[in-house]
């Protein structure tokens, strides 16, 4: 088989794949702004909820400021068991 005949046939196939890839990328590029603006409101809600959570955690810390911290040391019995 002559390689001179294969090259033009391959270029046609690669051209079709390249054009399909361009159409897919163009569709994604057109849809991108809609998805970004759709997510914007959700991100705003998440930020508001995170602020509320931080305020609640600060209140909990202030309420427990006078309490003795919990001990993280294990009793000697547990140390001997290898737990």
PDB file of N, CA and C in Angstrom:
ATOM      1  N   UNK A   1       0.851  -1.177   0.000  1.00  0.00           N
ATOM      2  CA  UNK A   1       0.000   0.000   0.000  1.00  0.00           C
ATOM      3  C   UNK A   1       0.890   1.232   0.000  1.00  0.00           C
ATOM      4  N   UNK A   2       0.501   2.199  -0.749  1.00  0.00           N
ATOM      5  CA  UNK A   2       1.281   3.419  -0.890  1.00  0.00           C
ATOM      6  C   UNK A   2       0.897   4.394   0.222  1.00  0.00           C
ATOM      7  N   UNK A   3       1.906   4.914   0.936  1.00  0.00           N
ATOM      8  CA  UNK A   3       1.627   5.831   2.041  1.00  0.00           C
ATOM      9  C   UNK A   3       1.126   7.184   1.556  1.00  0.00           C
ATOM     10  N   UNK A   4       1.344   7.519   0.326  1.00  0.00           N
ATOM     11  CA  UNK A   4       0.862   8.788  -0.212  1.00  0.00           C
ATOM     12  C   UNK A   4      -0.661   8.814  -0.267  1.00  0.00           C
ATOM     13  N   UNK A   5      -1.296   7.656  -0.376  1.00  0.00           N
ATOM     14  CA  UNK A   5      -2.762   7.598  -0.420  1.00  0.00           C
ATOM     15  C   UNK A   5      -3.384   7.635   0.975  1.00  0.00           C
ATOM     16  N   UNK A   6      -2.634   7.237   1.981  1.00  0.00           N
ATOM     17  CA  UNK A   6      -3.162   7.186   3.353  1.00  0.00           C
ATOM     18  C   UNK A   6      -3.245   8.583   3.965  1.00  0.00           C
ATOM     19  N   UNK A   7      -2.261   9.421   3.681  1.00  0.00           N
ATOM     20  CA  UNK A   7      -2.198  10.743   4.312  1.00  0.00           C
ATOM     21  C   UNK A   7      -3.440  11.605   4.052  1.00  0.00           C
ATOM     22  N   UNK A   8      -3.904  11.758   2.825  1.00  0.00           N
ATOM     23  CA  UNK A   8      -5.127  12.577   2.617  1.00  0.00           C
ATOM     24  C   UNK A   8      -6.355  11.988   3.307  1.00  0.00           C
ATOM     25  N   UNK A   9      -6.451  10.674   3.376  1.00  0.00           N
ATOM     26  CA  UNK A   9      -7.595  10.043   4.050  1.00  0.00           C
ATOM     27  C   UNK A   9      -7.546  10.326   5.553  1.00  0.00           C
ATOM     28  N   UNK A  10      -6.364  10.278   6.131  1.00  0.00           N
ATOM     29  CA  UNK A  10      -6.224  10.563   7.563  1.00  0.00           C
ATOM     30  C   UNK A  10      -6.529  12.029   7.852  1.00  0.00           C
ATOM     31  N   UNK A  11      -6.123  12.915   6.971  1.00  0.00           N
ATOM     32  CA  UNK A  11      -6.398  14.334   7.188  1.00  0.00           C
ATOM     33  C   UNK A  11      -7.901  14.606   7.199  1.00  0.00           C
ATOM     34  N   UNK A  12      -8.652  13.912   6.387  1.00  0.00           N
ATOM     35  CA  UNK A  12     -10.097  14.077   6.394  1.00  0.00           C
ATOM     36  C   UNK A  12     -10.703  13.653   7.719  1.00  0.00           C
ATOM     37  N   UNK A  13     -10.242  12.530   8.255  1.00  0.00           N
ATOM     38  CA  UNK A  13     -10.747  12.034   9.538  1.00  0.00           C
ATOM     39  C   UNK A  13     -10.354  12.979  10.669  1.00  0.00           C
ATOM     40  N   UNK A  14      -9.101  13.429  10.656  1.00  0.00           N
ATOM     41  CA  UNK A  14      -8.667  14.359  11.706  1.00  0.00           C
ATOM     42  C   UNK A  14      -9.402  15.691  11.593  1.00  0.00           C
ATOM     43  N   UNK A  15      -9.718  16.109  10.383  1.00  0.00           N
ATOM     44  CA  UNK A  15     -10.467  17.344  10.191  1.00  0.00           C
ATOM     45  C   UNK A  15     -11.857  17.251  10.788  1.00  0.00           C
ATOM     46  N   UNK A  16     -12.519  16.127  10.595  1.00  0.00           N
ATOM     47  CA  UNK A  16     -13.861  15.930  11.154  1.00  0.00           C
ATOM     48  C   UNK A  16     -13.809  15.919  12.679  1.00  0.00           C
ATOM     49  N   UNK A  17     -12.835  15.221  13.233  1.00  0.00           N
ATOM     50  CA  UNK A  17     -12.684  15.170  14.696  1.00  0.00           C
ATOM     51  C   UNK A  17     -12.386  16.566  15.228  1.00  0.00           C
ATOM     52  N   UNK A  18     -11.536  17.302  14.533  1.00  0.00           N
ATOM     53  CA  UNK A  18     -11.186  18.659  14.958  1.00  0.00           C
ATOM     54  C   UNK A  18     -12.407  19.574  14.929  1.00  0.00           C
ATOM     55  N   UNK A  19     -13.216  19.489  13.894  1.00  0.00           N
ATOM     56  CA  UNK A  19     -14.422  20.318  13.792  1.00  0.00           C
ATOM     57  C   UNK A  19     -15.422  19.942  14.885  1.00  0.00           C
ATOM     58  N   UNK A  20     -15.589  18.660  15.164  1.00  0.00           N
ATOM     59  CA  UNK A  20     -16.484  18.231  16.252  1.00  0.00           C
ATOM     60  C   UNK A  20     -15.991  18.747  17.596  1.00  0.00           C
ATOM     61  N   UNK A  21     -14.686  18.679  17.807  1.00  0.00           N
ATOM     62  CA  UNK A  21     -14.107  19.188  19.054  1.00  0.00           C
ATOM     63  C   UNK A  21     -14.355  20.691  19.186  1.00  0.00           C
ATOM     64  N   UNK A  22     -14.217  21.416  18.107  1.00  0.00           N
ATOM     65  CA  UNK A  22     -14.490  22.856  18.142  1.00  0.00           C
ATOM     66  C   UNK A  22     -15.953  23.144  18.486  1.00  0.00           C
ATOM     67  N   UNK A  23     -16.881  22.360  17.930  1.00  0.00           N
ATOM     68  CA  UNK A  23     -18.296  22.563  18.255  1.00  0.00           C
ATOM     69  C   UNK A  23     -18.579  22.275  19.728  1.00  0.00           C
ATOM     70  N   UNK A  24     -17.972  21.245  20.266  1.00  0.00           N
ATOM     71  CA  UNK A  24     -18.162  20.917  21.682  1.00  0.00           C
ATOM     72  C   UNK A  24     -17.604  22.031  22.557  1.00  0.00           C
ATOM     73  N   UNK A  25     -16.402  22.498  22.246  1.00  0.00           N
ATOM     74  CA  UNK A  25     -15.804  23.582  23.027  1.00  0.00           C
ATOM     75  C   UNK A  25     -16.620  24.868  22.925  1.00  0.00           C
ATOM     76  N   UNK A  26     -17.164  25.141  21.751  1.00  0.00           N
ATOM     77  CA  UNK A  26     -17.980  26.331  21.573  1.00  0.00           C
ATOM     78  C   UNK A  26     -19.261  26.234  22.405  1.00  0.00           C
ATOM     79  N   UNK A  27     -19.871  25.070  22.446  1.00  0.00           N
ATOM     80  CA  UNK A  27     -21.083  24.887  23.249  1.00  0.00           C
ATOM     81  C   UNK A  27     -20.782  25.062  24.737  1.00  0.00           C
ATOM     82  N   UNK A  28     -19.669  24.516  25.181  1.00  0.00           N
ATOM     83  CA  UNK A  28     -19.277  24.670  26.594  1.00  0.00           C
ATOM     84  C   UNK A  28     -18.993  26.131  26.896  1.00  0.00           C
ATOM     85  N   UNK A  29     -18.311  26.818  26.001  1.00  0.00           N
ATOM     86  CA  UNK A  29     -17.969  28.225  26.208  1.00  0.00           C
ATOM     87  C   UNK A  29     -19.220  29.098  26.275  1.00  0.00           C
ATOM     88  N   UNK A  30     -20.230  28.774  25.482  1.00  0.00           N
ATOM     89  CA  UNK A  30     -21.482  29.535  25.504  1.00  0.00           C
ATOM     90  C   UNK A  30     -22.248  29.251  26.796  1.00  0.00           C
ATOM     91  N   UNK A  31     -22.211  28.023  27.297  1.00  0.00           N
ATOM     92  CA  UNK A  31     -22.955  27.650  28.505  1.00  0.00           C
ATOM     93  C   UNK A  31     -22.260  28.107  29.787  1.00  0.00           C
ATOM     94  N   UNK A  32     -20.985  28.398  29.730  1.00  0.00           N
ATOM     95  CA  UNK A  32     -20.216  28.747  30.930  1.00  0.00           C
ATOM     96  C   UNK A  32     -20.780  29.937  31.704  1.00  0.00           C
ATOM     97  N   UNK A  33     -21.091  31.050  31.076  1.00  0.00           N
ATOM     98  CA  UNK A  33     -21.605  32.188  31.863  1.00  0.00           C
ATOM     99  C   UNK A  33     -22.907  31.874  32.598  1.00  0.00           C
ATOM    100  N   UNK A  34     -23.777  31.076  31.987  1.00  0.00           N
ATOM    101  CA  UNK A  34     -25.031  30.731  32.644  1.00  0.00           C
ATOM    102  C   UNK A  34     -24.787  29.903  33.902  1.00  0.00           C
ATOM    103  N   UNK A  35     -23.838  29.005  33.848  1.00  0.00           N
ATOM    104  CA  UNK A  35     -23.559  28.192  35.026  1.00  0.00           C
ATOM    105  C   UNK A  35     -22.879  29.012  36.114  1.00  0.00           C
ATOM    106  N   UNK A  36     -22.013  29.944  35.730  1.00  0.00           N
ATOM    107  CA  UNK A  36     -21.334  30.784  36.726  1.00  0.00           C
ATOM    108  C   UNK A  36     -22.341  31.667  37.442  1.00  0.00           C
ATOM    109  N   UNK A  37     -23.226  32.312  36.693  1.00  0.00           N
ATOM    110  CA  UNK A  37     -24.211  33.181  37.334  1.00  0.00           C
ATOM    111  C   UNK A  37     -25.243  32.382  38.112  1.00  0.00           C
ATOM    112  N   UNK A  38     -25.498  31.158  37.739  1.00  0.00           N
ATOM    113  CA  UNK A  38     -26.413  30.311  38.491  1.00  0.00           C
ATOM    114  C   UNK A  38     -25.828  29.889  39.829  1.00  0.00           C
ATOM    115  N   UNK A  39     -24.543  29.718  39.870  1.00  0.00           N
ATOM    116  CA  UNK A  39     -23.868  29.288  41.102  1.00  0.00           C
ATOM    117  C   UNK A  39     -23.656  30.464  42.049  1.00  0.00           C
ATOM    118  N   UNK A  40     -23.661  31.664  41.521  1.00  0.00           N
ATOM    119  CA  UNK A  40     -23.365  32.849  42.321  1.00  0.00           C
ATOM    120  C   UNK A  40     -24.309  32.979  43.520  1.00  0.00           C
ATOM    121  N   UNK A  41     -25.611  32.789  43.311  1.00  0.00           N
ATOM    122  CA  UNK A  41     -26.572  32.889  44.406  1.00  0.00           C
ATOM    123  C   UNK A  41     -26.347  31.802  45.451  1.00  0.00           C
ATOM    124  N   UNK A  42     -26.024  30.604  44.988  1.00  0.00           N
ATOM    125  CA  UNK A  42     -25.761  29.521  45.932  1.00  0.00           C
ATOM    126  C   UNK A  42     -24.540  29.827  46.794  1.00  0.00           C
ATOM    127  N   UNK A  43     -23.512  30.369  46.200  1.00  0.00           N
ATOM    128  CA  UNK A  43     -22.317  30.731  46.970  1.00  0.00           C
ATOM    129  C   UNK A  43     -22.616  31.825  47.986  1.00  0.00           C
ATOM    130  N   UNK A  44     -23.480  32.757  47.612  1.00  0.00           N
ATOM    131  CA  UNK A  44     -23.865  33.829  48.533  1.00  0.00           C
ATOM    132  C   UNK A  44     -24.603  33.237  49.733  1.00  0.00           C
ATOM    133  N   UNK A  45     -25.510  32.288  49.494  1.00  0.00           N
ATOM    134  CA  UNK A  45     -26.235  31.633  50.589  1.00  0.00           C
ATOM    135  C   UNK A  45     -25.284  30.858  51.495  1.00  0.00           C
ATOM    136  N   UNK A  46     -24.330  30.180  50.904  1.00  0.00           N
ATOM    137  CA  UNK A  46     -23.354  29.419  51.698  1.00  0.00           C
ATOM    138  C   UNK A  46     -22.547  30.358  52.583  1.00  0.00           C
ATOM    139  N   UNK A  47     -22.139  31.497  52.049  1.00  0.00           N
ATOM    140  CA  UNK A  47     -21.358  32.464  52.831  1.00  0.00           C
ATOM    141  C   UNK A  47     -22.179  33.000  54.006  1.00  0.00           C
ATOM    142  N   UNK A  48     -23.463  33.271  53.784  1.00  0.00           N
ATOM    143  CA  UNK A  48     -24.325  33.756  54.864  1.00  0.00           C
ATOM    144  C   UNK A  48     -24.479  32.702  55.957  1.00  0.00           C
ATOM    145  N   UNK A  49     -24.688  31.461  55.554  1.00  0.00           N
ATOM    146  CA  UNK A  49     -24.835  30.388  56.546  1.00  0.00           C
ATOM    147  C   UNK A  49     -23.535  30.182  57.322  1.00  0.00           C
ATOM    148  N   UNK A  50     -22.407  30.339  56.653  1.00  0.00           N
ATOM    149  CA  UNK A  50     -21.124  30.185  57.335  1.00  0.00           C
ATOM    150  C   UNK A  50     -20.922  31.289  58.368  1.00  0.00           C
ATOM    151  N   UNK A  51     -21.347  32.509  58.047  1.00  0.00           N
ATOM    152  CA  UNK A  51     -21.260  33.606  59.013  1.00  0.00           C
ATOM    153  C   UNK A  51     -22.126  33.313  60.235  1.00  0.00           C
ATOM    154  N   UNK A  52     -23.342  32.799  60.008  1.00  0.00           N
ATOM    155  CA  UNK A  52     -24.222  32.446  61.133  1.00  0.00           C
ATOM    156  C   UNK A  52     -23.575  31.372  62.000  1.00  0.00           C
ATOM    157  N   UNK A  53     -22.972  30.374  61.356  1.00  0.00           N
ATOM    158  CA  UNK A  53     -22.325  29.300  62.094  1.00  0.00           C
ATOM    159  C   UNK A  53     -21.161  29.831  62.922  1.00  0.00           C
ATOM    160  N   UNK A  54     -20.380  30.727  62.359  1.00  0.00           N
ATOM    161  CA  UNK A  54     -19.254  31.309  63.097  1.00  0.00           C
ATOM    162  C   UNK A  54     -19.741  32.115  64.297  1.00  0.00           C
ATOM    163  N   UNK A  55     -20.848  32.855  64.133  1.00  0.00           N
ATOM    164  CA  UNK A  55     -21.401  33.604  65.257  1.00  0.00           C
ATOM    165  C   UNK A  55     -21.863  32.665  66.360  1.00  0.00           C
ATOM    166  N   UNK A  56     -22.519  31.569  65.989  1.00  0.00           N
ATOM    167  CA  UNK A  56     -22.960  30.598  66.997  1.00  0.00           C
ATOM    168  C   UNK A  56     -21.768  29.962  67.707  1.00  0.00           C
ATOM    169  N   UNK A  57     -20.719  29.655  66.969  1.00  0.00           N
ATOM    170  CA  UNK A  57     -19.531  29.070  67.595  1.00  0.00           C
ATOM    171  C   UNK A  57     -18.862  30.061  68.548  1.00  0.00           C
ATOM    172  N   UNK A  58     -18.851  31.339  68.190  1.00  0.00           N
ATOM    173  CA  UNK A  58     -18.298  32.351  69.096  1.00  0.00           C
ATOM    174  C   UNK A  58     -19.126  32.436  70.376  1.00  0.00           C
ATOM    175  N   UNK A  59     -20.449  32.361  70.249  1.00  0.00           N
ATOM    176  CA  UNK A  59     -21.316  32.385  71.430  1.00  0.00           C
ATOM    177  C   UNK A  59     -21.041  31.181  72.325  1.00  0.00           C
ATOM    178  N   UNK A  60     -20.837  30.027  71.717  1.00  0.00           N
ATOM    179  CA  UNK A  60     -20.545  28.819  72.493  1.00  0.00           C
ATOM    180  C   UNK A  60     -19.218  28.966  73.217  1.00  0.00           C
ATOM    181  N   UNK A  61     -18.223  29.520  72.535  1.00  0.00           N
ATOM    182  CA  UNK A  61     -16.916  29.714  73.173  1.00  0.00           C
ATOM    183  C   UNK A  61     -16.998  30.699  74.328  1.00  0.00           C
ATOM    184  N   UNK A  62     -17.770  31.778  74.159  1.00  0.00           N
ATOM    185  CA  UNK A  62     -17.923  32.759  75.225  1.00  0.00           C
ATOM    186  C   UNK A  62     -18.654  32.156  76.414  1.00  0.00           C
ATOM    187  N   UNK A  63     -19.657  31.329  76.146  1.00  0.00           N
ATOM    188  CA  UNK A  63     -20.430  30.722  77.223  1.00  0.00           C
ATOM    189  C   UNK A  63     -19.589  29.721  78.007  1.00  0.00           C
ATOM    190  N   UNK A  64     -18.677  29.045  77.342  1.00  0.00           N
ATOM    191  CA  UNK A  64     -17.874  28.034  78.017  1.00  0.00           C
ATOM    192  C   UNK A  64     -16.498  28.520  78.412  1.00  0.00           C
ATOM    193  N   UNK A  65     -16.272  29.844  78.413  1.00  0.00           N
ATOM    194  CA  UNK A  65     -14.939  30.385  78.699  1.00  0.00           C
ATOM    195  C   UNK A  65     -14.502  30.088  80.133  1.00  0.00           C
ATOM    196  N   UNK A  66     -15.431  30.035  81.082  1.00  0.00           N
ATOM    197  CA  UNK A  66     -15.070  29.814  82.472  1.00  0.00           C
ATOM    198  C   UNK A  66     -14.970  28.343  82.839  1.00  0.00           C
ATOM    199  N   UNK A  67     -15.279  27.450  81.926  1.00  0.00           N
ATOM    200  CA  UNK A  67     -15.266  26.027  82.232  1.00  0.00           C
ATOM    201  C   UNK A  67     -13.861  25.463  82.140  1.00  0.00           C
ATOM    202  N   UNK A  68     -13.640  24.379  82.885  1.00  0.00           N
ATOM    203  CA  UNK A  68     -12.351  23.700  82.851  1.00  0.00           C
ATOM    204  C   UNK A  68     -12.272  22.872  81.568  1.00  0.00           C
ATOM    205  N   UNK A  69     -11.162  22.954  80.831  1.00  0.00           N
ATOM    206  CA  UNK A  69     -11.049  22.161  79.603  1.00  0.00           C
ATOM    207  C   UNK A  69     -11.051  20.670  79.894  1.00  0.00           C
ATOM    208  N   UNK A  70     -11.588  19.905  78.979  1.00  0.00           N
ATOM    209  CA  UNK A  70     -11.634  18.457  79.132  1.00  0.00           C
ATOM    210  C   UNK A  70     -10.227  17.885  79.017  1.00  0.00           C
ATOM    211  N   UNK A  71      -9.959  16.863  79.802  1.00  0.00           N
ATOM    212  CA  UNK A  71      -8.654  16.212  79.769  1.00  0.00           C
ATOM    213  C   UNK A  71      -8.591  15.265  78.575  1.00  0.00           C
ATOM    214  N   UNK A  72      -7.490  15.330  77.853  1.00  0.00           N
ATOM    215  CA  UNK A  72      -7.315  14.439  76.711  1.00  0.00           C
ATOM    216  C   UNK A  72      -6.402  13.274  77.042  1.00  0.00           C
ATOM    217  N   UNK A  73      -5.909  13.239  78.269  1.00  0.00           N
ATOM    218  CA  UNK A  73      -5.038  12.127  78.680  1.00  0.00           C
ATOM    219  C   UNK A  73      -5.880  10.894  78.954  1.00  0.00           C
ATOM    220  N   UNK A  74      -5.352   9.744  78.549  1.00  0.00           N
ATOM    221  CA  UNK A  74      -6.048   8.488  78.812  1.00  0.00           C
ATOM    222  C   UNK A  74      -5.608   7.953  80.172  1.00  0.00           C
ATOM    223  N   UNK A  75      -6.507   7.276  80.840  1.00  0.00           N
ATOM    224  CA  UNK A  75      -6.105   6.649  82.112  1.00  0.00           C
ATOM    225  C   UNK A  75      -5.007   5.606  81.889  1.00  0.00           C
ATOM    226  N   UNK A  76      -4.271   5.310  82.986  1.00  0.00           N
ATOM    227  CA  UNK A  76      -3.170   4.357  82.873  1.00  0.00           C
ATOM    228  C   UNK A  76      -3.656   2.966  82.444  1.00  0.00           C
ATOM    229  N   UNK A  77      -4.870   2.605  82.825  1.00  0.00           N
ATOM    230  CA  UNK A  77      -5.383   1.282  82.462  1.00  0.00           C
ATOM    231  C   UNK A  77      -5.495   1.137  80.942  1.00  0.00           C
ATOM    232  N   UNK A  78      -5.961   2.183  80.265  1.00  0.00           N
ATOM    233  CA  UNK A  78      -6.084   2.128  78.802  1.00  0.00           C
ATOM    234  C   UNK A  78      -4.726   2.134  78.125  1.00  0.00           C
ATOM    235  N   UNK A  79      -3.757   2.824  78.729  1.00  0.00           N
ATOM    236  CA  UNK A  79      -2.418   2.854  78.142  1.00  0.00           C
ATOM    237  C   UNK A  79      -1.798   1.462  78.180  1.00  0.00           C
ATOM    238  N   UNK A  80      -2.060   0.729  79.268  1.00  0.00           N
ATOM    239  CA  UNK A  80      -1.495  -0.616  79.392  1.00  0.00           C
ATOM    240  C   UNK A  80      -2.134  -1.594  78.405  1.00  0.00           C
ATOM    241  N   UNK A  81      -3.380  -1.390  78.063  1.00  0.00           N
ATOM    242  CA  UNK A  81      -4.072  -2.294  77.155  1.00  0.00           C
ATOM    243  C   UNK A  81      -3.661  -2.064  75.716  1.00  0.00           C
ATOM    244  N   UNK A  82      -3.042  -0.943  75.425  1.00  0.00           N
ATOM    245  CA  UNK A  82      -2.633  -0.665  74.048  1.00  0.00           C
ATOM    246  C   UNK A  82      -3.747  -0.048  73.229  1.00  0.00           C
ATOM    247  N   UNK A  83      -4.729   0.550  73.867  1.00  0.00           N
ATOM    248  CA  UNK A  83      -5.841   1.182  73.153  1.00  0.00           C
ATOM    249  C   UNK A  83      -5.467   2.537  72.666  1.00  0.00           C
TER     250      UNK A  83
END
